[in-house]
Amino acid sequence: MSALEDSANPGAFSEAELAYYRWAFRRPGALRGAINWYRAAARRPDPPPRDQVDAPTMVIWGEEDVALLPEMATESVAYCADGRLERFPDCSHWVHREEVDAVTDLLVEHLST
């Protein structure tokens, strides 16, 4: 669970939630499946589709993400005809866990329009 805890800000996951993740990853094949997803993504030689997304889209991004670079957020929104980027400077990859109320408010606003 250190990979999960090390990629999140303190308090993003409760001890009970971490215990559940430990249990889930101990199930036969669970960890192998997760790792193989990343292996397959790295081995795929052709680039992903670069079609424009026409649906209104909001990208929520933690600036302190250890896995994804901040410029990837800007590049992602550039593929959207009606895109909006919401950055969280002090959040990690787990924005939805670290800023629950703010993310919920943004989603309700976005989905209400």
PDB file of N, CA and C in Angstrom:
ATOM      1  N   MET A   1       0.813  -1.181   0.000  1.00  0.00           N
ATOM      2  CA  MET A   1       0.000   0.000   0.000  1.00  0.00           C
ATOM      3  C   MET A   1       0.858   1.246   0.000  1.00  0.00           C
ATOM      4  N   SER A   2       2.158   1.100   0.089  1.00  0.00           N
ATOM      5  CA  SER A   2       2.998   2.291   0.117  1.00  0.00           C
ATOM      6  C   SER A   2       2.882   3.092  -1.175  1.00  0.00           C
ATOM      7  N   ALA A   3       2.672   2.425  -2.312  1.00  0.00           N
ATOM      8  CA  ALA A   3       2.513   3.160  -3.575  1.00  0.00           C
ATOM      9  C   ALA A   3       1.281   4.054  -3.519  1.00  0.00           C
ATOM     10  N   LEU A   4       0.209   3.566  -2.945  1.00  0.00           N
ATOM     11  CA  LEU A   4      -1.009   4.353  -2.816  1.00  0.00           C
ATOM     12  C   LEU A   4      -0.793   5.494  -1.822  1.00  0.00           C
ATOM     13  N   GLU A   5      -0.254   5.166  -0.672  1.00  0.00           N
ATOM     14  CA  GLU A   5      -0.051   6.183   0.355  1.00  0.00           C
ATOM     15  C   GLU A   5       0.991   7.217  -0.069  1.00  0.00           C
ATOM     16  N   ASP A   6       2.045   6.776  -0.751  1.00  0.00           N
ATOM     17  CA  ASP A   6       3.108   7.699  -1.162  1.00  0.00           C
ATOM     18  C   ASP A   6       2.679   8.635  -2.281  1.00  0.00           C
ATOM     19  N   SER A   7       1.620   8.285  -3.003  1.00  0.00           N
ATOM     20  CA  SER A   7       1.159   9.133  -4.099  1.00  0.00           C
ATOM     21  C   SER A   7       0.019  10.055  -3.683  1.00  0.00           C
ATOM     22  N   ALA A   8      -0.366  10.015  -2.419  1.00  0.00           N
ATOM     23  CA  ALA A   8      -1.481  10.824  -1.917  1.00  0.00           C
ATOM     24  C   ALA A   8      -1.016  11.726  -0.787  1.00  0.00           C
ATOM     25  N   ASN A   9      -1.728  12.796  -0.578  1.00  0.00           N
ATOM     26  CA  ASN A   9      -1.463  13.655   0.567  1.00  0.00           C
ATOM     27  C   ASN A   9      -1.970  12.967   1.831  1.00  0.00           C
ATOM     28  N   PRO A  10      -1.370  13.278   2.975  1.00  0.00           N
ATOM     29  CA  PRO A  10      -1.815  12.660   4.230  1.00  0.00           C
ATOM     30  C   PRO A  10      -3.314  12.868   4.450  1.00  0.00           C
ATOM     31  N   GLY A  11      -3.981  11.800   4.878  1.00  0.00           N
ATOM     32  CA  GLY A  11      -5.400  11.873   5.180  1.00  0.00           C
ATOM     33  C   GLY A  11      -6.321  11.592   4.003  1.00  0.00           C
ATOM     34  N   ALA A  12      -5.758  11.379   2.814  1.00  0.00           N
ATOM     35  CA  ALA A  12      -6.602  11.117   1.640  1.00  0.00           C
ATOM     36  C   ALA A  12      -7.360   9.805   1.792  1.00  0.00           C
ATOM     37  N   PHE A  13      -6.758   8.847   2.468  1.00  0.00           N
ATOM     38  CA  PHE A  13      -7.380   7.539   2.669  1.00  0.00           C
ATOM     39  C   PHE A  13      -7.371   7.223   4.153  1.00  0.00           C
ATOM     40  N   SER A  14      -8.492   6.739   4.653  1.00  0.00           N
ATOM     41  CA  SER A  14      -8.559   6.335   6.055  1.00  0.00           C
ATOM     42  C   SER A  14      -7.852   4.989   6.210  1.00  0.00           C
ATOM     43  N   GLU A  15      -7.572   4.615   7.422  1.00  0.00           N
ATOM     44  CA  GLU A  15      -6.947   3.316   7.683  1.00  0.00           C
ATOM     45  C   GLU A  15      -7.875   2.178   7.246  1.00  0.00           C
ATOM     46  N   ALA A  16      -9.179   2.349   7.435  1.00  0.00           N
ATOM     47  CA  ALA A  16     -10.135   1.325   7.004  1.00  0.00           C
ATOM     48  C   ALA A  16     -10.110   1.169   5.479  1.00  0.00           C
ATOM     49  N   GLU A  17     -10.003   2.267   4.762  1.00  0.00           N
ATOM     50  CA  GLU A  17      -9.945   2.197   3.294  1.00  0.00           C
ATOM     51  C   GLU A  17      -8.653   1.537   2.828  1.00  0.00           C
ATOM     52  N   LEU A  18      -7.564   1.878   3.474  1.00  0.00           N
ATOM     53  CA  LEU A  18      -6.293   1.242   3.124  1.00  0.00           C
ATOM     54  C   LEU A  18      -6.337  -0.253   3.406  1.00  0.00           C
ATOM     55  N   ALA A  19      -6.986  -0.632   4.505  1.00  0.00           N
ATOM     56  CA  ALA A  19      -7.139  -2.060   4.814  1.00  0.00           C
ATOM     57  C   ALA A  19      -7.932  -2.764   3.723  1.00  0.00           C
ATOM     58  N   TYR A  20      -8.959  -2.109   3.204  1.00  0.00           N
ATOM     59  CA  TYR A  20      -9.743  -2.700   2.120  1.00  0.00           C
ATOM     60  C   TYR A  20      -8.880  -2.878   0.865  1.00  0.00           C
ATOM     61  N   TYR A  21      -8.098  -1.856   0.523  1.00  0.00           N
ATOM     62  CA  TYR A  21      -7.199  -1.970  -0.639  1.00  0.00           C
ATOM     63  C   TYR A  21      -6.197  -3.113  -0.436  1.00  0.00           C
ATOM     64  N   ARG A  22      -5.659  -3.238   0.774  1.00  0.00           N
ATOM     65  CA  ARG A  22      -4.735  -4.345   1.050  1.00  0.00           C
ATOM     66  C   ARG A  22      -5.416  -5.681   0.800  1.00  0.00           C
ATOM     67  N   TRP A  23      -6.634  -5.818   1.288  1.00  0.00           N
ATOM     68  CA  TRP A  23      -7.391  -7.049   1.091  1.00  0.00           C
ATOM     69  C   TRP A  23      -7.634  -7.295  -0.401  1.00  0.00           C
ATOM     70  N   ALA A  24      -8.059  -6.255  -1.109  1.00  0.00           N
ATOM     71  CA  ALA A  24      -8.374  -6.409  -2.536  1.00  0.00           C
ATOM     72  C   ALA A  24      -7.134  -6.795  -3.345  1.00  0.00           C
ATOM     73  N   PHE A  25      -6.016  -6.191  -3.049  1.00  0.00           N
ATOM     74  CA  PHE A  25      -4.803  -6.499  -3.808  1.00  0.00           C
ATOM     75  C   PHE A  25      -4.203  -7.855  -3.447  1.00  0.00           C
ATOM     76  N   ARG A  26      -4.617  -8.421  -2.340  1.00  0.00           N
ATOM     77  CA  ARG A  26      -4.151  -9.771  -1.975  1.00  0.00           C
ATOM     78  C   ARG A  26      -4.949 -10.871  -2.690  1.00  0.00           C
ATOM     79  N   ARG A  27      -6.052 -10.525  -3.307  1.00  0.00           N
ATOM     80  CA  ARG A  27      -6.858 -11.518  -4.009  1.00  0.00           C
ATOM     81  C   ARG A  27      -6.077 -12.066  -5.194  1.00  0.00           C
ATOM     82  N   PRO A  28      -6.220 -13.340  -5.492  1.00  0.00           N
ATOM     83  CA  PRO A  28      -5.467 -13.943  -6.595  1.00  0.00           C
ATOM     84  C   PRO A  28      -5.670 -13.199  -7.915  1.00  0.00           C
ATOM     85  N   GLY A  29      -4.566 -12.810  -8.524  1.00  0.00           N
ATOM     86  CA  GLY A  29      -4.585 -12.155  -9.825  1.00  0.00           C
ATOM     87  C   GLY A  29      -4.811 -10.655  -9.795  1.00  0.00           C
ATOM     88  N   ALA A  30      -5.185 -10.097  -8.658  1.00  0.00           N
ATOM     89  CA  ALA A  30      -5.518  -8.670  -8.599  1.00  0.00           C
ATOM     90  C   ALA A  30      -4.316  -7.789  -8.926  1.00  0.00           C
ATOM     91  N   LEU A  31      -3.221  -8.020  -8.272  1.00  0.00           N
ATOM     92  CA  LEU A  31      -2.038  -7.193  -8.500  1.00  0.00           C
ATOM     93  C   LEU A  31      -1.494  -7.411  -9.907  1.00  0.00           C
ATOM     94  N   ARG A  32      -1.499  -8.652 -10.357  1.00  0.00           N
ATOM     95  CA  ARG A  32      -1.015  -8.962 -11.706  1.00  0.00           C
ATOM     96  C   ARG A  32      -1.852  -8.215 -12.749  1.00  0.00           C
ATOM     97  N   GLY A  33      -3.164  -8.200 -12.572  1.00  0.00           N
ATOM     98  CA  GLY A  33      -4.042  -7.498 -13.505  1.00  0.00           C
ATOM     99  C   GLY A  33      -3.745  -6.010 -13.560  1.00  0.00           C
ATOM    100  N   ALA A  34      -3.540  -5.400 -12.408  1.00  0.00           N
ATOM    101  CA  ALA A  34      -3.235  -3.970 -12.363  1.00  0.00           C
ATOM    102  C   ALA A  34      -1.905  -3.672 -13.051  1.00  0.00           C
ATOM    103  N   ILE A  35      -0.905  -4.459 -12.765  1.00  0.00           N
ATOM    104  CA  ILE A  35       0.420  -4.252 -13.376  1.00  0.00           C
ATOM    105  C   ILE A  35       0.366  -4.500 -14.877  1.00  0.00           C
ATOM    106  N   ASN A  36      -0.360  -5.524 -15.303  1.00  0.00           N
ATOM    107  CA  ASN A  36      -0.445  -5.821 -16.731  1.00  0.00           C
ATOM    108  C   ASN A  36      -1.130  -4.714 -17.522  1.00  0.00           C
ATOM    109  N   TRP A  37      -2.036  -3.984 -16.898  1.00  0.00           N
ATOM    110  CA  TRP A  37      -2.662  -2.854 -17.587  1.00  0.00           C
ATOM    111  C   TRP A  37      -1.584  -1.843 -17.983  1.00  0.00           C
ATOM    112  N   TYR A  38      -0.675  -1.532 -17.066  1.00  0.00           N
ATOM    113  CA  TYR A  38       0.394  -0.578 -17.359  1.00  0.00           C
ATOM    114  C   TYR A  38       1.395  -1.157 -18.357  1.00  0.00           C
ATOM    115  N   ARG A  39       1.696  -2.427 -18.235  1.00  0.00           N
ATOM    116  CA  ARG A  39       2.596  -3.062 -19.207  1.00  0.00           C
ATOM    117  C   ARG A  39       2.022  -2.977 -20.617  1.00  0.00           C
ATOM    118  N   ALA A  40       0.747  -3.284 -20.759  1.00  0.00           N
ATOM    119  CA  ALA A  40       0.106  -3.239 -22.074  1.00  0.00           C
ATOM    120  C   ALA A  40       0.097  -1.810 -22.625  1.00  0.00           C
ATOM    121  N   ALA A  41      -0.174  -0.844 -21.793  1.00  0.00           N
ATOM    122  CA  ALA A  41      -0.198   0.547 -22.241  1.00  0.00           C
ATOM    123  C   ALA A  41       1.185   0.978 -22.746  1.00  0.00           C
ATOM    124  N   ALA A  42       2.225   0.537 -22.074  1.00  0.00           N
ATOM    125  CA  ALA A  42       3.582   0.902 -22.491  1.00  0.00           C
ATOM    126  C   ALA A  42       4.002   0.197 -23.773  1.00  0.00           C
ATOM    127  N   ARG A  43       3.451  -0.964 -24.026  1.00  0.00           N
ATOM    128  CA  ARG A  43       3.832  -1.742 -25.210  1.00  0.00           C
ATOM    129  C   ARG A  43       3.045  -1.368 -26.455  1.00  0.00           C
ATOM    130  N   ARG A  44       1.978  -0.656 -26.305  1.00  0.00           N
ATOM    131  CA  ARG A  44       1.124  -0.327 -27.453  1.00  0.00           C
ATOM    132  C   ARG A  44       1.873   0.647 -28.365  1.00  0.00           C
ATOM    133  N   PRO A  45       2.214   0.224 -29.587  1.00  0.00           N
ATOM    134  CA  PRO A  45       3.046   1.062 -30.448  1.00  0.00           C
ATOM    135  C   PRO A  45       2.298   2.216 -31.120  1.00  0.00           C
ATOM    136  N   ASP A  46       1.014   2.031 -31.396  1.00  0.00           N
ATOM    137  CA  ASP A  46       0.296   3.094 -32.094  1.00  0.00           C
ATOM    138  C   ASP A  46      -0.235   4.124 -31.104  1.00  0.00           C
ATOM    139  N   PRO A  47      -0.240   5.389 -31.498  1.00  0.00           N
ATOM    140  CA  PRO A  47      -0.722   6.427 -30.585  1.00  0.00           C
ATOM    141  C   PRO A  47      -2.232   6.317 -30.393  1.00  0.00           C
ATOM    142  N   PRO A  48      -2.724   6.799 -29.282  1.00  0.00           N
ATOM    143  CA  PRO A  48      -4.170   6.757 -29.052  1.00  0.00           C
ATOM    144  C   PRO A  48      -4.883   7.700 -30.012  1.00  0.00           C
ATOM    145  N   PRO A  49      -6.181   7.519 -30.194  1.00  0.00           N
ATOM    146  CA  PRO A  49      -6.936   8.427 -31.068  1.00  0.00           C
ATOM    147  C   PRO A  49      -6.829   9.865 -30.578  1.00  0.00           C
ATOM    148  N   ARG A  50      -6.817  10.776 -31.511  1.00  0.00           N
ATOM    149  CA  ARG A  50      -6.713  12.197 -31.168  1.00  0.00           C
ATOM    150  C   ARG A  50      -7.927  12.970 -31.677  1.00  0.00           C
ATOM    151  N   ASP A  51      -9.075  12.311 -31.679  1.00  0.00           N
ATOM    152  CA  ASP A  51     -10.296  12.955 -32.129  1.00  0.00           C
ATOM    153  C   ASP A  51     -10.728  14.023 -31.134  1.00  0.00           C
ATOM    154  N   GLN A  52     -11.422  15.012 -31.645  1.00  0.00           N
ATOM    155  CA  GLN A  52     -11.952  16.055 -30.783  1.00  0.00           C
ATOM    156  C   GLN A  52     -13.127  15.503 -29.985  1.00  0.00           C
ATOM    157  N   VAL A  53     -13.205  15.880 -28.733  1.00  0.00           N
ATOM    158  CA  VAL A  53     -14.328  15.524 -27.866  1.00  0.00           C
ATOM    159  C   VAL A  53     -15.328  16.669 -27.941  1.00  0.00           C
ATOM    160  N   ASP A  54     -16.542  16.360 -28.380  1.00  0.00           N
ATOM    161  CA  ASP A  54     -17.549  17.409 -28.551  1.00  0.00           C
ATOM    162  C   ASP A  54     -18.394  17.647 -27.306  1.00  0.00           C
ATOM    163  N   ALA A  55     -18.519  16.668 -26.450  1.00  0.00           N
ATOM    164  CA  ALA A  55     -19.319  16.830 -25.233  1.00  0.00           C
ATOM    165  C   ALA A  55     -18.629  17.807 -24.282  1.00  0.00           C
ATOM    166  N   PRO A  56     -19.393  18.618 -23.574  1.00  0.00           N
ATOM    167  CA  PRO A  56     -18.783  19.490 -22.561  1.00  0.00           C
ATOM    168  C   PRO A  56     -17.967  18.636 -21.591  1.00  0.00           C
ATOM    169  N   THR A  57     -16.737  19.037 -21.378  1.00  0.00           N
ATOM    170  CA  THR A  57     -15.807  18.217 -20.605  1.00  0.00           C
ATOM    171  C   THR A  57     -15.100  19.066 -19.555  1.00  0.00           C
ATOM    172  N   MET A  58     -15.005  18.528 -18.354  1.00  0.00           N
ATOM    173  CA  MET A  58     -14.230  19.187 -17.316  1.00  0.00           C
ATOM    174  C   MET A  58     -13.117  18.247 -16.880  1.00  0.00           C
ATOM    175  N   VAL A  59     -11.909  18.756 -16.867  1.00  0.00           N
ATOM    176  CA  VAL A  59     -10.746  18.009 -16.401  1.00  0.00           C
ATOM    177  C   VAL A  59     -10.352  18.593 -15.051  1.00  0.00           C
ATOM    178  N   ILE A  60     -10.259  17.742 -14.050  1.00  0.00           N
ATOM    179  CA  ILE A  60      -9.858  18.143 -12.698  1.00  0.00           C
ATOM    180  C   ILE A  60      -8.470  17.570 -12.470  1.00  0.00           C
ATOM    181  N   TRP A  61      -7.526  18.419 -12.087  1.00  0.00           N
ATOM    182  CA  TRP A  61      -6.124  18.010 -12.077  1.00  0.00           C
ATOM    183  C   TRP A  61      -5.410  18.440 -10.797  1.00  0.00           C
ATOM    184  N   GLY A  62      -4.741  17.498 -10.180  1.00  0.00           N
ATOM    185  CA  GLY A  62      -3.888  17.791  -9.030  1.00  0.00           C
ATOM    186  C   GLY A  62      -2.487  18.139  -9.499  1.00  0.00           C
ATOM    187  N   GLU A  63      -2.028  19.312  -9.172  1.00  0.00           N
ATOM    188  CA  GLU A  63      -0.716  19.783  -9.625  1.00  0.00           C
ATOM    189  C   GLU A  63       0.452  19.011  -9.000  1.00  0.00           C
ATOM    190  N   GLU A  64       0.198  18.324  -7.907  1.00  0.00           N
ATOM    191  CA  GLU A  64       1.254  17.568  -7.229  1.00  0.00           C
ATOM    192  C   GLU A  64       1.195  16.077  -7.556  1.00  0.00           C
ATOM    193  N   ASP A  65       0.574  15.735  -8.663  1.00  0.00           N
ATOM    194  CA  ASP A  65       0.456  14.342  -9.103  1.00  0.00           C
ATOM    195  C   ASP A  65       1.849  13.789  -9.405  1.00  0.00           C
ATOM    196  N   VAL A  66       2.197  12.659  -8.806  1.00  0.00           N
ATOM    197  CA  VAL A  66       3.518  12.067  -9.042  1.00  0.00           C
ATOM    198  C   VAL A  66       3.538  11.192 -10.287  1.00  0.00           C
ATOM    199  N   ALA A  67       2.353  10.900 -10.843  1.00  0.00           N
ATOM    200  CA  ALA A  67       2.280  10.017 -12.011  1.00  0.00           C
ATOM    201  C   ALA A  67       2.046  10.772 -13.316  1.00  0.00           C
ATOM    202  N   LEU A  68       1.339  11.882 -13.257  1.00  0.00           N
ATOM    203  CA  LEU A  68       0.961  12.615 -14.461  1.00  0.00           C
ATOM    204  C   LEU A  68       1.492  14.047 -14.401  1.00  0.00           C
ATOM    205  N   LEU A  69       2.044  14.509 -15.499  1.00  0.00           N
ATOM    206  CA  LEU A  69       2.637  15.843 -15.560  1.00  0.00           C
ATOM    207  C   LEU A  69       1.563  16.917 -15.721  1.00  0.00           C
ATOM    208  N   PRO A  70       1.741  18.085 -15.111  1.00  0.00           N
ATOM    209  CA  PRO A  70       0.732  19.153 -15.205  1.00  0.00           C
ATOM    210  C   PRO A  70       0.402  19.563 -16.640  1.00  0.00           C
ATOM    211  N   GLU A  71       1.382  19.559 -17.529  1.00  0.00           N
ATOM    212  CA  GLU A  71       1.103  19.964 -18.915  1.00  0.00           C
ATOM    213  C   GLU A  71       0.163  18.990 -19.630  1.00  0.00           C
ATOM    214  N   MET A  72       0.043  17.781 -19.121  1.00  0.00           N
ATOM    215  CA  MET A  72      -0.884  16.816 -19.707  1.00  0.00           C
ATOM    216  C   MET A  72      -2.333  17.295 -19.569  1.00  0.00           C
ATOM    217  N   ALA A  73      -2.618  18.052 -18.532  1.00  0.00           N
ATOM    218  CA  ALA A  73      -3.973  18.575 -18.335  1.00  0.00           C
ATOM    219  C   ALA A  73      -4.321  19.554 -19.441  1.00  0.00           C
ATOM    220  N   THR A  74      -3.421  20.472 -19.726  1.00  0.00           N
ATOM    221  CA  THR A  74      -3.638  21.461 -20.784  1.00  0.00           C
ATOM    222  C   THR A  74      -3.773  20.770 -22.132  1.00  0.00           C
ATOM    223  N   GLU A  75      -2.930  19.790 -22.383  1.00  0.00           N
ATOM    224  CA  GLU A  75      -2.986  19.046 -23.642  1.00  0.00           C
ATOM    225  C   GLU A  75      -4.317  18.289 -23.765  1.00  0.00           C
ATOM    226  N   SER A  76      -4.800  17.739 -22.675  1.00  0.00           N
ATOM    227  CA  SER A  76      -6.065  17.006 -22.698  1.00  0.00           C
ATOM    228  C   SER A  76      -7.229  17.923 -23.036  1.00  0.00           C
ATOM    229  N   VAL A  77      -7.283  19.080 -22.405  1.00  0.00           N
ATOM    230  CA  VAL A  77      -8.379  20.015 -22.634  1.00  0.00           C
ATOM    231  C   VAL A  77      -8.346  20.554 -24.062  1.00  0.00           C
ATOM    232  N   ALA A  78      -7.167  20.603 -24.667  1.00  0.00           N
ATOM    233  CA  ALA A  78      -7.050  21.085 -26.049  1.00  0.00           C
ATOM    234  C   ALA A  78      -7.820  20.195 -27.030  1.00  0.00           C
ATOM    235  N   TYR A  79      -8.091  18.963 -26.670  1.00  0.00           N
ATOM    236  CA  TYR A  79      -8.867  18.048 -27.517  1.00  0.00           C
ATOM    237  C   TYR A  79     -10.374  18.213 -27.333  1.00  0.00           C
ATOM    238  N   CYS A  80     -10.775  19.135 -26.497  1.00  0.00           N
ATOM    239  CA  CYS A  80     -12.194  19.311 -26.190  1.00  0.00           C
ATOM    240  C   CYS A  80     -12.734  20.580 -26.853  1.00  0.00           C
ATOM    241  N   ALA A  81     -13.844  20.441 -27.558  1.00  0.00           N
ATOM    242  CA  ALA A  81     -14.491  21.604 -28.173  1.00  0.00           C
ATOM    243  C   ALA A  81     -15.008  22.552 -27.096  1.00  0.00           C
ATOM    244  N   ASP A  82     -15.465  21.987 -25.986  1.00  0.00           N
ATOM    245  CA  ASP A  82     -16.000  22.767 -24.871  1.00  0.00           C
ATOM    246  C   ASP A  82     -15.349  22.238 -23.595  1.00  0.00           C
ATOM    247  N   GLY A  83     -14.069  22.542 -23.440  1.00  0.00           N
ATOM    248  CA  GLY A  83     -13.312  22.009 -22.311  1.00  0.00           C
ATOM    249  C   GLY A  83     -13.052  23.041 -21.238  1.00  0.00           C
ATOM    250  N   ARG A  84     -12.961  22.548 -20.040  1.00  0.00           N
ATOM    251  CA  ARG A  84     -12.696  23.394 -18.867  1.00  0.00           C
ATOM    252  C   ARG A  84     -11.690  22.661 -18.001  1.00  0.00           C
ATOM    253  N   LEU A  85     -10.678  23.362 -17.549  1.00  0.00           N
ATOM    254  CA  LEU A  85      -9.657  22.774 -16.698  1.00  0.00           C
ATOM    255  C   LEU A  85      -9.718  23.402 -15.322  1.00  0.00           C
ATOM    256  N   GLU A  86      -9.816  22.563 -14.321  1.00  0.00           N
ATOM    257  CA  GLU A  86      -9.788  22.990 -12.923  1.00  0.00           C
ATOM    258  C   GLU A  86      -8.559  22.387 -12.268  1.00  0.00           C
ATOM    259  N   ARG A  87      -7.632  23.237 -11.909  1.00  0.00           N
ATOM    260  CA  ARG A  87      -6.372  22.794 -11.286  1.00  0.00           C
ATOM    261  C   ARG A  87      -6.448  22.946  -9.763  1.00  0.00           C
ATOM    262  N   PHE A  88      -5.852  21.984  -9.083  1.00  0.00           N
ATOM    263  CA  PHE A  88      -5.741  22.027  -7.635  1.00  0.00           C
ATOM    264  C   PHE A  88      -4.252  21.990  -7.288  1.00  0.00           C
ATOM    265  N   PRO A  89      -3.685  23.145  -6.964  1.00  0.00           N
ATOM    266  CA  PRO A  89      -2.229  23.244  -6.787  1.00  0.00           C
ATOM    267  C   PRO A  89      -1.646  22.345  -5.696  1.00  0.00           C
ATOM    268  N   ASP A  90      -2.376  22.095  -4.648  1.00  0.00           N
ATOM    269  CA  ASP A  90      -1.833  21.335  -3.526  1.00  0.00           C
ATOM    270  C   ASP A  90      -2.328  19.895  -3.475  1.00  0.00           C
ATOM    271  N   CYS A  91      -2.883  19.401  -4.570  1.00  0.00           N
ATOM    272  CA  CYS A  91      -3.423  18.050  -4.580  1.00  0.00           C
ATOM    273  C   CYS A  91      -2.567  17.097  -5.395  1.00  0.00           C
ATOM    274  N   SER A  92      -2.705  15.838  -5.054  1.00  0.00           N
ATOM    275  CA  SER A  92      -1.969  14.763  -5.720  1.00  0.00           C
ATOM    276  C   SER A  92      -2.849  14.153  -6.817  1.00  0.00           C
ATOM    277  N   HIS A  93      -2.539  12.928  -7.174  1.00  0.00           N
ATOM    278  CA  HIS A  93      -3.310  12.151  -8.142  1.00  0.00           C
ATOM    279  C   HIS A  93      -4.728  11.890  -7.634  1.00  0.00           C
ATOM    280  N   TRP A  94      -4.920  12.019  -6.349  1.00  0.00           N
ATOM    281  CA  TRP A  94      -6.170  11.647  -5.692  1.00  0.00           C
ATOM    282  C   TRP A  94      -6.977  12.891  -5.310  1.00  0.00           C
ATOM    283  N   VAL A  95      -7.154  13.814  -6.246  1.00  0.00           N
ATOM    284  CA  VAL A  95      -7.870  15.073  -5.997  1.00  0.00           C
ATOM    285  C   VAL A  95      -9.240  14.817  -5.381  1.00  0.00           C
ATOM    286  N   HIS A  96      -9.944  13.848  -5.921  1.00  0.00           N
ATOM    287  CA  HIS A  96     -11.302  13.562  -5.441  1.00  0.00           C
ATOM    288  C   HIS A  96     -11.325  13.082  -3.999  1.00  0.00           C
ATOM    289  N   ARG A  97     -10.202  12.613  -3.489  1.00  0.00           N
ATOM    290  CA  ARG A  97     -10.112  12.172  -2.096  1.00  0.00           C
ATOM    291  C   ARG A  97      -9.630  13.298  -1.196  1.00  0.00           C
ATOM    292  N   GLU A  98      -8.863  14.217  -1.755  1.00  0.00           N
ATOM    293  CA  GLU A  98      -8.233  15.276  -0.961  1.00  0.00           C
ATOM    294  C   GLU A  98      -9.070  16.550  -0.884  1.00  0.00           C
ATOM    295  N   GLU A  99      -9.895  16.781  -1.871  1.00  0.00           N
ATOM    296  CA  GLU A  99     -10.769  17.963  -1.908  1.00  0.00           C
ATOM    297  C   GLU A  99     -12.190  17.523  -2.267  1.00  0.00           C
ATOM    298  N   VAL A 100     -12.750  16.681  -1.426  1.00  0.00           N
ATOM    299  CA  VAL A 100     -14.050  16.062  -1.697  1.00  0.00           C
ATOM    300  C   VAL A 100     -15.128  17.104  -1.967  1.00  0.00           C
ATOM    301  N   ASP A 101     -15.279  18.078  -1.112  1.00  0.00           N
ATOM    302  CA  ASP A 101     -16.352  19.063  -1.262  1.00  0.00           C
ATOM    303  C   ASP A 101     -16.167  19.908  -2.515  1.00  0.00           C
ATOM    304  N   ALA A 102     -14.957  20.366  -2.770  1.00  0.00           N
ATOM    305  CA  ALA A 102     -14.694  21.209  -3.946  1.00  0.00           C
ATOM    306  C   ALA A 102     -14.935  20.435  -5.236  1.00  0.00           C
ATOM    307  N   VAL A 103     -14.478  19.199  -5.285  1.00  0.00           N
ATOM    308  CA  VAL A 103     -14.683  18.375  -6.482  1.00  0.00           C
ATOM    309  C   VAL A 103     -16.170  18.082  -6.667  1.00  0.00           C
ATOM    310  N   THR A 104     -16.862  17.769  -5.594  1.00  0.00           N
ATOM    311  CA  THR A 104     -18.303  17.511  -5.678  1.00  0.00           C
ATOM    312  C   THR A 104     -19.031  18.739  -6.207  1.00  0.00           C
ATOM    313  N   ASP A 105     -18.705  19.920  -5.681  1.00  0.00           N
ATOM    314  CA  ASP A 105     -19.343  21.154  -6.146  1.00  0.00           C
ATOM    315  C   ASP A 105     -19.083  21.383  -7.632  1.00  0.00           C
ATOM    316  N   LEU A 106     -17.854  21.168  -8.076  1.00  0.00           N
ATOM    317  CA  LEU A 106     -17.528  21.330  -9.489  1.00  0.00           C
ATOM    318  C   LEU A 106     -18.313  20.353 -10.363  1.00  0.00           C
ATOM    319  N   LEU A 107     -18.393  19.111  -9.934  1.00  0.00           N
ATOM    320  CA  LEU A 107     -19.125  18.112 -10.701  1.00  0.00           C
ATOM    321  C   LEU A 107     -20.624  18.410 -10.766  1.00  0.00           C
ATOM    322  N   VAL A 108     -21.209  18.802  -9.651  1.00  0.00           N
ATOM    323  CA  VAL A 108     -22.633  19.137  -9.648  1.00  0.00           C
ATOM    324  C   VAL A 108     -22.885  20.321 -10.577  1.00  0.00           C
ATOM    325  N   GLU A 109     -22.035  21.339 -10.494  1.00  0.00           N
ATOM    326  CA  GLU A 109     -22.180  22.497 -11.392  1.00  0.00           C
ATOM    327  C   GLU A 109     -22.051  22.082 -12.848  1.00  0.00           C
ATOM    328  N   HIS A 110     -21.030  21.304 -13.155  1.00  0.00           N
ATOM    329  CA  HIS A 110     -20.772  20.878 -14.534  1.00  0.00           C
ATOM    330  C   HIS A 110     -21.902  20.022 -15.081  1.00  0.00           C
ATOM    331  N   LEU A 111     -22.398  19.112 -14.282  1.00  0.00           N
ATOM    332  CA  LEU A 111     -23.436  18.191 -14.746  1.00  0.00           C
ATOM    333  C   LEU A 111     -24.825  18.836 -14.758  1.00  0.00           C
ATOM    334  N   SER A 112     -24.964  19.999 -14.124  1.00  0.00           N
ATOM    335  CA  SER A 112     -26.244  20.694 -14.082  1.00  0.00           C
ATOM    336  C   SER A 112     -26.456  21.606 -15.295  1.00  0.00           C
ATOM    337  N   THR A 113     -25.420  21.820 -16.062  1.00  0.00           N
ATOM    338  CA  THR A 113     -25.545  22.750 -17.193  1.00  0.00           C
ATOM    339  C   THR A 113     -25.882  22.041 -18.468  1.00  0.00           C
TER     340      THR A 113
END
